[in-house]
Amino acid sequence: GVGSLRVELEDVAGQPLAGYALGDCDPVNGNWLRHVVSWNGSSDLPALAGQPIRMKVEMRSTKLYAFQFAP
């Protein structure tokens, strides 16, 4: 089957950031070399710039080789 991936962004204590929980993440399905992750249709992260965050990745039948935060 096709694999899927979702990402949650959390504060340093491990609590989901509002709007960036697993349930807010638009699932990434299929095989991608490059794909932009989004939450409720938005991939903008300007409110998080300059602060430490944690990233939780939920994967099913897939592999993650790399990730990047880019402007």
PDB file of N, CA and C in Angstrom:
ATOM      1  N   GLY A   1       0.813  -1.199   0.000  1.00  0.00           N
ATOM      2  CA  GLY A   1       0.000   0.000   0.000  1.00  0.00           C
ATOM      3  C   GLY A   1       0.843   1.242   0.000  1.00  0.00           C
ATOM      4  N   VAL A   2       0.182   2.342  -0.149  1.00  0.00           N
ATOM      5  CA  VAL A   2       0.833   3.648  -0.151  1.00  0.00           C
ATOM      6  C   VAL A   2       1.089   4.077   1.283  1.00  0.00           C
ATOM      7  N   GLY A   3       2.294   4.550   1.566  1.00  0.00           N
ATOM      8  CA  GLY A   3       2.634   5.035   2.891  1.00  0.00           C
ATOM      9  C   GLY A   3       2.073   6.424   3.134  1.00  0.00           C
ATOM     10  N   SER A   4       2.096   6.830   4.404  1.00  0.00           N
ATOM     11  CA  SER A   4       1.637   8.166   4.760  1.00  0.00           C
ATOM     12  C   SER A   4       2.480   8.715   5.898  1.00  0.00           C
ATOM     13  N   LEU A   5       2.460  10.027   6.011  1.00  0.00           N
ATOM     14  CA  LEU A   5       3.250  10.721   7.012  1.00  0.00           C
ATOM     15  C   LEU A   5       2.482  11.938   7.488  1.00  0.00           C
ATOM     16  N   ARG A   6       2.546  12.222   8.790  1.00  0.00           N
ATOM     17  CA  ARG A   6       2.003  13.452   9.356  1.00  0.00           C
ATOM     18  C   ARG A   6       3.032  14.003  10.337  1.00  0.00           C
ATOM     19  N   VAL A   7       3.043  15.310  10.499  1.00  0.00           N
ATOM     20  CA  VAL A   7       4.008  15.979  11.367  1.00  0.00           C
ATOM     21  C   VAL A   7       3.277  16.837  12.383  1.00  0.00           C
ATOM     22  N   GLU A   8       3.743  16.761  13.626  1.00  0.00           N
ATOM     23  CA  GLU A   8       3.234  17.637  14.687  1.00  0.00           C
ATOM     24  C   GLU A   8       4.385  18.509  15.161  1.00  0.00           C
ATOM     25  N   LEU A   9       4.131  19.787  15.341  1.00  0.00           N
ATOM     26  CA  LEU A   9       5.119  20.690  15.915  1.00  0.00           C
ATOM     27  C   LEU A   9       4.728  20.937  17.361  1.00  0.00           C
ATOM     28  N   GLU A  10       5.720  20.848  18.245  1.00  0.00           N
ATOM     29  CA  GLU A  10       5.472  20.927  19.677  1.00  0.00           C
ATOM     30  C   GLU A  10       6.375  21.963  20.331  1.00  0.00           C
ATOM     31  N   ASP A  11       5.965  22.416  21.527  1.00  0.00           N
ATOM     32  CA  ASP A  11       6.846  23.276  22.315  1.00  0.00           C
ATOM     33  C   ASP A  11       7.925  22.397  22.942  1.00  0.00           C
ATOM     34  N   VAL A  12       8.871  23.003  23.655  1.00  0.00           N
ATOM     35  CA  VAL A  12       9.994  22.236  24.198  1.00  0.00           C
ATOM     36  C   VAL A  12       9.555  21.224  25.251  1.00  0.00           C
ATOM     37  N   ALA A  13       8.358  21.395  25.817  1.00  0.00           N
ATOM     38  CA  ALA A  13       7.838  20.445  26.802  1.00  0.00           C
ATOM     39  C   ALA A  13       7.110  19.274  26.136  1.00  0.00           C
ATOM     40  N   GLY A  14       6.981  19.307  24.811  1.00  0.00           N
ATOM     41  CA  GLY A  14       6.329  18.215  24.094  1.00  0.00           C
ATOM     42  C   GLY A  14       4.833  18.382  23.916  1.00  0.00           C
ATOM     43  N   GLN A  15       4.317  19.590  24.164  1.00  0.00           N
ATOM     44  CA  GLN A  15       2.889  19.848  23.967  1.00  0.00           C
ATOM     45  C   GLN A  15       2.662  20.373  22.549  1.00  0.00           C
ATOM     46  N   PRO A  16       1.640  19.873  21.847  1.00  0.00           N
ATOM     47  CA  PRO A  16       1.385  20.335  20.476  1.00  0.00           C
ATOM     48  C   PRO A  16       1.119  21.847  20.447  1.00  0.00           C
ATOM     49  N   LEU A  17       1.694  22.510  19.451  1.00  0.00           N
ATOM     50  CA  LEU A  17       1.424  23.931  19.243  1.00  0.00           C
ATOM     51  C   LEU A  17       0.066  24.074  18.569  1.00  0.00           C
ATOM     52  N   ALA A  18      -0.698  25.071  18.975  1.00  0.00           N
ATOM     53  CA  ALA A  18      -2.039  25.292  18.424  1.00  0.00           C
ATOM     54  C   ALA A  18      -1.968  25.417  16.910  1.00  0.00           C
ATOM     55  N   GLY A  19      -2.756  24.596  16.222  1.00  0.00           N
ATOM     56  CA  GLY A  19      -2.803  24.615  14.767  1.00  0.00           C
ATOM     57  C   GLY A  19      -1.791  23.711  14.097  1.00  0.00           C
ATOM     58  N   TYR A  20      -0.887  23.105  14.892  1.00  0.00           N
ATOM     59  CA  TYR A  20       0.170  22.269  14.319  1.00  0.00           C
ATOM     60  C   TYR A  20       0.179  20.861  14.913  1.00  0.00           C
ATOM     61  N   ALA A  21      -0.941  20.416  15.471  1.00  0.00           N
ATOM     62  CA  ALA A  21      -1.044  19.069  16.033  1.00  0.00           C
ATOM     63  C   ALA A  21      -1.156  18.046  14.903  1.00  0.00           C
ATOM     64  N   LEU A  22      -0.968  16.763  15.238  1.00  0.00           N
ATOM     65  CA  LEU A  22      -1.094  15.704  14.230  1.00  0.00           C
ATOM     66  C   LEU A  22      -2.437  15.784  13.517  1.00  0.00           C
ATOM     67  N   GLY A  23      -3.498  16.048  14.265  1.00  0.00           N
ATOM     68  CA  GLY A  23      -4.824  16.132  13.670  1.00  0.00           C
ATOM     69  C   GLY A  23      -5.011  17.298  12.726  1.00  0.00           C
ATOM     70  N   ASP A  24      -4.150  18.322  12.837  1.00  0.00           N
ATOM     71  CA  ASP A  24      -4.208  19.482  11.944  1.00  0.00           C
ATOM     72  C   ASP A  24      -3.397  19.268  10.674  1.00  0.00           C
ATOM     73  N   CYS A  25      -2.483  18.296  10.713  1.00  0.00           N
ATOM     74  CA  CYS A  25      -1.570  18.081   9.583  1.00  0.00           C
ATOM     75  C   CYS A  25      -2.307  17.426   8.415  1.00  0.00           C
ATOM     76  N   ASP A  26      -2.092  17.971   7.234  1.00  0.00           N
ATOM     77  CA  ASP A  26      -2.614  17.374   6.009  1.00  0.00           C
ATOM     78  C   ASP A  26      -1.708  16.189   5.671  1.00  0.00           C
ATOM     79  N   PRO A  27      -2.234  14.969   5.636  1.00  0.00           N
ATOM     80  CA  PRO A  27      -1.387  13.789   5.419  1.00  0.00           C
ATOM     81  C   PRO A  27      -0.605  13.869   4.113  1.00  0.00           C
ATOM     82  N   VAL A  28       0.619  13.407   4.181  1.00  0.00           N
ATOM     83  CA  VAL A  28       1.465  13.277   2.990  1.00  0.00           C
ATOM     84  C   VAL A  28       1.367  11.817   2.574  1.00  0.00           C
ATOM     85  N   ASN A  29       0.790  11.567   1.428  1.00  0.00           N
ATOM     86  CA  ASN A  29       0.604  10.208   0.919  1.00  0.00           C
ATOM     87  C   ASN A  29       1.406  10.038  -0.361  1.00  0.00           C
ATOM     88  N   GLY A  30       1.992   8.875  -0.529  1.00  0.00           N
ATOM     89  CA  GLY A  30       2.700   8.595  -1.776  1.00  0.00           C
ATOM     90  C   GLY A  30       4.198   8.657  -1.603  1.00  0.00           C
ATOM     91  N   ASN A  31       4.884   8.677  -2.724  1.00  0.00           N
ATOM     92  CA  ASN A  31       6.334   8.656  -2.783  1.00  0.00           C
ATOM     93  C   ASN A  31       6.819   9.996  -3.320  1.00  0.00           C
ATOM     94  N   TRP A  32       7.521  10.756  -2.493  1.00  0.00           N
ATOM     95  CA  TRP A  32       7.943  12.104  -2.878  1.00  0.00           C
ATOM     96  C   TRP A  32       9.438  12.280  -2.671  1.00  0.00           C
ATOM     97  N   LEU A  33      10.070  12.999  -3.584  1.00  0.00           N
ATOM     98  CA  LEU A  33      11.441  13.453  -3.355  1.00  0.00           C
ATOM     99  C   LEU A  33      11.417  14.770  -2.592  1.00  0.00           C
ATOM    100  N   ARG A  34      10.412  15.591  -2.871  1.00  0.00           N
ATOM    101  CA  ARG A  34      10.230  16.869  -2.176  1.00  0.00           C
ATOM    102  C   ARG A  34       8.744  17.082  -1.980  1.00  0.00           C
ATOM    103  N   HIS A  35       8.367  17.433  -0.765  1.00  0.00           N
ATOM    104  CA  HIS A  35       6.966  17.716  -0.497  1.00  0.00           C
ATOM    105  C   HIS A  35       6.886  18.692   0.662  1.00  0.00           C
ATOM    106  N   VAL A  36       6.050  19.699   0.544  1.00  0.00           N
ATOM    107  CA  VAL A  36       5.853  20.686   1.604  1.00  0.00           C
ATOM    108  C   VAL A  36       4.747  20.188   2.528  1.00  0.00           C
ATOM    109  N   VAL A  37       5.045  20.104   3.818  1.00  0.00           N
ATOM    110  CA  VAL A  37       4.054  19.695   4.807  1.00  0.00           C
ATOM    111  C   VAL A  37       3.174  20.900   5.132  1.00  0.00           C
ATOM    112  N   SER A  38       1.874  20.643   5.292  1.00  0.00           N
ATOM    113  CA  SER A  38       0.948  21.727   5.634  1.00  0.00           C
ATOM    114  C   SER A  38       0.016  21.290   6.756  1.00  0.00           C
ATOM    115  N   TRP A  39      -0.530  22.276   7.434  1.00  0.00           N
ATOM    116  CA  TRP A  39      -1.482  22.068   8.514  1.00  0.00           C
ATOM    117  C   TRP A  39      -2.723  22.868   8.167  1.00  0.00           C
ATOM    118  N   ASN A  40      -3.849  22.190   8.027  1.00  0.00           N
ATOM    119  CA  ASN A  40      -5.100  22.844   7.629  1.00  0.00           C
ATOM    120  C   ASN A  40      -4.903  23.712   6.386  1.00  0.00           C
ATOM    121  N   GLY A  41      -4.127  23.200   5.438  1.00  0.00           N
ATOM    122  CA  GLY A  41      -3.925  23.868   4.162  1.00  0.00           C
ATOM    123  C   GLY A  41      -2.858  24.942   4.140  1.00  0.00           C
ATOM    124  N   SER A  42      -2.179  25.204   5.258  1.00  0.00           N
ATOM    125  CA  SER A  42      -1.162  26.259   5.303  1.00  0.00           C
ATOM    126  C   SER A  42       0.185  25.676   5.700  1.00  0.00           C
ATOM    127  N   SER A  43       1.231  26.109   5.015  1.00  0.00           N
ATOM    128  CA  SER A  43       2.586  25.671   5.349  1.00  0.00           C
ATOM    129  C   SER A  43       3.401  26.795   5.972  1.00  0.00           C
ATOM    130  N   ASP A  44       2.773  27.935   6.246  1.00  0.00           N
ATOM    131  CA  ASP A  44       3.481  29.091   6.805  1.00  0.00           C
ATOM    132  C   ASP A  44       3.835  28.857   8.273  1.00  0.00           C
ATOM    133  N   LEU A  45       5.071  29.177   8.631  1.00  0.00           N
ATOM    134  CA  LEU A  45       5.534  29.007  10.006  1.00  0.00           C
ATOM    135  C   LEU A  45       6.146  30.286  10.585  1.00  0.00           C
ATOM    136  N   PRO A  46       5.814  31.485  10.110  1.00  0.00           N
ATOM    137  CA  PRO A  46       6.515  32.686  10.571  1.00  0.00           C
ATOM    138  C   PRO A  46       6.382  32.933  12.075  1.00  0.00           C
ATOM    139  N   ALA A  47       5.278  32.532  12.684  1.00  0.00           N
ATOM    140  CA  ALA A  47       5.090  32.765  14.117  1.00  0.00           C
ATOM    141  C   ALA A  47       6.051  31.919  14.953  1.00  0.00           C
ATOM    142  N   LEU A  48       6.649  30.892  14.348  1.00  0.00           N
ATOM    143  CA  LEU A  48       7.537  30.001  15.085  1.00  0.00           C
ATOM    144  C   LEU A  48       9.010  30.345  14.907  1.00  0.00           C
ATOM    145  N   ALA A  49       9.318  31.294  14.043  1.00  0.00           N
ATOM    146  CA  ALA A  49      10.710  31.639  13.743  1.00  0.00           C
ATOM    147  C   ALA A  49      11.439  32.079  15.009  1.00  0.00           C
ATOM    148  N   GLY A  50      12.636  31.561  15.191  1.00  0.00           N
ATOM    149  CA  GLY A  50      13.491  31.986  16.293  1.00  0.00           C
ATOM    150  C   GLY A  50      13.205  31.322  17.625  1.00  0.00           C
ATOM    151  N   GLN A  51      12.216  30.437  17.695  1.00  0.00           N
ATOM    152  CA  GLN A  51      11.955  29.765  18.964  1.00  0.00           C
ATOM    153  C   GLN A  51      12.219  28.276  18.835  1.00  0.00           C
ATOM    154  N   PRO A  52      12.663  27.651  19.924  1.00  0.00           N
ATOM    155  CA  PRO A  52      12.903  26.205  19.858  1.00  0.00           C
ATOM    156  C   PRO A  52      11.580  25.449  19.781  1.00  0.00           C
ATOM    157  N   ILE A  53      11.554  24.425  18.947  1.00  0.00           N
ATOM    158  CA  ILE A  53      10.372  23.578  18.832  1.00  0.00           C
ATOM    159  C   ILE A  53      10.818  22.131  18.756  1.00  0.00           C
ATOM    160  N   ARG A  54       9.883  21.232  18.970  1.00  0.00           N
ATOM    161  CA  ARG A  54      10.097  19.809  18.761  1.00  0.00           C
ATOM    162  C   ARG A  54       9.232  19.379  17.589  1.00  0.00           C
ATOM    163  N   MET A  55       9.659  18.351  16.894  1.00  0.00           N
ATOM    164  CA  MET A  55       8.907  17.856  15.757  1.00  0.00           C
ATOM    165  C   MET A  55       8.628  16.372  15.979  1.00  0.00           C
ATOM    166  N   LYS A  56       7.361  16.004  15.935  1.00  0.00           N
ATOM    167  CA  LYS A  56       6.966  14.593  16.028  1.00  0.00           C
ATOM    168  C   LYS A  56       6.500  14.166  14.638  1.00  0.00           C
ATOM    169  N   VAL A  57       7.032  13.063  14.145  1.00  0.00           N
ATOM    170  CA  VAL A  57       6.671  12.549  12.827  1.00  0.00           C
ATOM    171  C   VAL A  57       5.989  11.200  13.008  1.00  0.00           C
ATOM    172  N   GLU A  58       4.770  11.092  12.500  1.00  0.00           N
ATOM    173  CA  GLU A  58       4.036   9.828  12.515  1.00  0.00           C
ATOM    174  C   GLU A  58       4.090   9.261  11.106  1.00  0.00           C
ATOM    175  N   MET A  59       4.606   8.020  10.986  1.00  0.00           N
ATOM    176  CA  MET A  59       4.765   7.419   9.662  1.00  0.00           C
ATOM    177  C   MET A  59       4.121   6.045   9.647  1.00  0.00           C
ATOM    178  N   ARG A  60       3.517   5.731   8.518  1.00  0.00           N
ATOM    179  CA  ARG A  60       2.944   4.398   8.314  1.00  0.00           C
ATOM    180  C   ARG A  60       3.432   3.877   6.962  1.00  0.00           C
ATOM    181  N   SER A  61       4.097   2.727   6.979  1.00  0.00           N
ATOM    182  CA  SER A  61       4.590   2.073   5.758  1.00  0.00           C
ATOM    183  C   SER A  61       5.382   3.031   4.879  1.00  0.00           C
ATOM    184  N   THR A  62       6.275   3.789   5.499  1.00  0.00           N
ATOM    185  CA  THR A  62       7.064   4.751   4.741  1.00  0.00           C
ATOM    186  C   THR A  62       8.427   4.950   5.392  1.00  0.00           C
ATOM    187  N   LYS A  63       9.310   5.637   4.704  1.00  0.00           N
ATOM    188  CA  LYS A  63      10.631   5.994   5.222  1.00  0.00           C
ATOM    189  C   LYS A  63      10.835   7.489   5.028  1.00  0.00           C
ATOM    190  N   LEU A  64      11.506   8.111   5.968  1.00  0.00           N
ATOM    191  CA  LEU A  64      11.848   9.526   5.883  1.00  0.00           C
ATOM    192  C   LEU A  64      13.367   9.618   5.811  1.00  0.00           C
ATOM    193  N   TYR A  65      13.871  10.197   4.744  1.00  0.00           N
ATOM    194  CA  TYR A  65      15.312  10.285   4.565  1.00  0.00           C
ATOM    195  C   TYR A  65      15.876  11.627   5.021  1.00  0.00           C
ATOM    196  N   ALA A  66      15.101  12.689   4.914  1.00  0.00           N
ATOM    197  CA  ALA A  66      15.599  14.008   5.292  1.00  0.00           C
ATOM    198  C   ALA A  66      14.421  14.972   5.430  1.00  0.00           C
ATOM    199  N   PHE A  67      14.674  16.061   6.161  1.00  0.00           N
ATOM    200  CA  PHE A  67      13.690  17.133   6.227  1.00  0.00           C
ATOM    201  C   PHE A  67      14.446  18.460   6.300  1.00  0.00           C
ATOM    202  N   GLN A  68      13.748  19.528   5.957  1.00  0.00           N
ATOM    203  CA  GLN A  68      14.372  20.846   5.931  1.00  0.00           C
ATOM    204  C   GLN A  68      13.313  21.901   6.205  1.00  0.00           C
ATOM    205  N   PHE A  69      13.684  22.896   7.020  1.00  0.00           N
ATOM    206  CA  PHE A  69      12.857  24.089   7.178  1.00  0.00           C
ATOM    207  C   PHE A  69      13.463  25.140   6.264  1.00  0.00           C
ATOM    208  N   ALA A  70      12.685  25.650   5.328  1.00  0.00           N
ATOM    209  CA  ALA A  70      13.215  26.599   4.348  1.00  0.00           C
ATOM    210  C   ALA A  70      12.317  27.816   4.259  1.00  0.00           C
ATOM    211  N   PRO A  71      12.896  28.982   3.945  1.00  0.00           N
ATOM    212  CA  PRO A  71      12.070  30.200   3.790  1.00  0.00           C
ATOM    213  C   PRO A  71      11.166  30.131   2.587  1.00  0.00           C
TER     214      PRO A  71
END
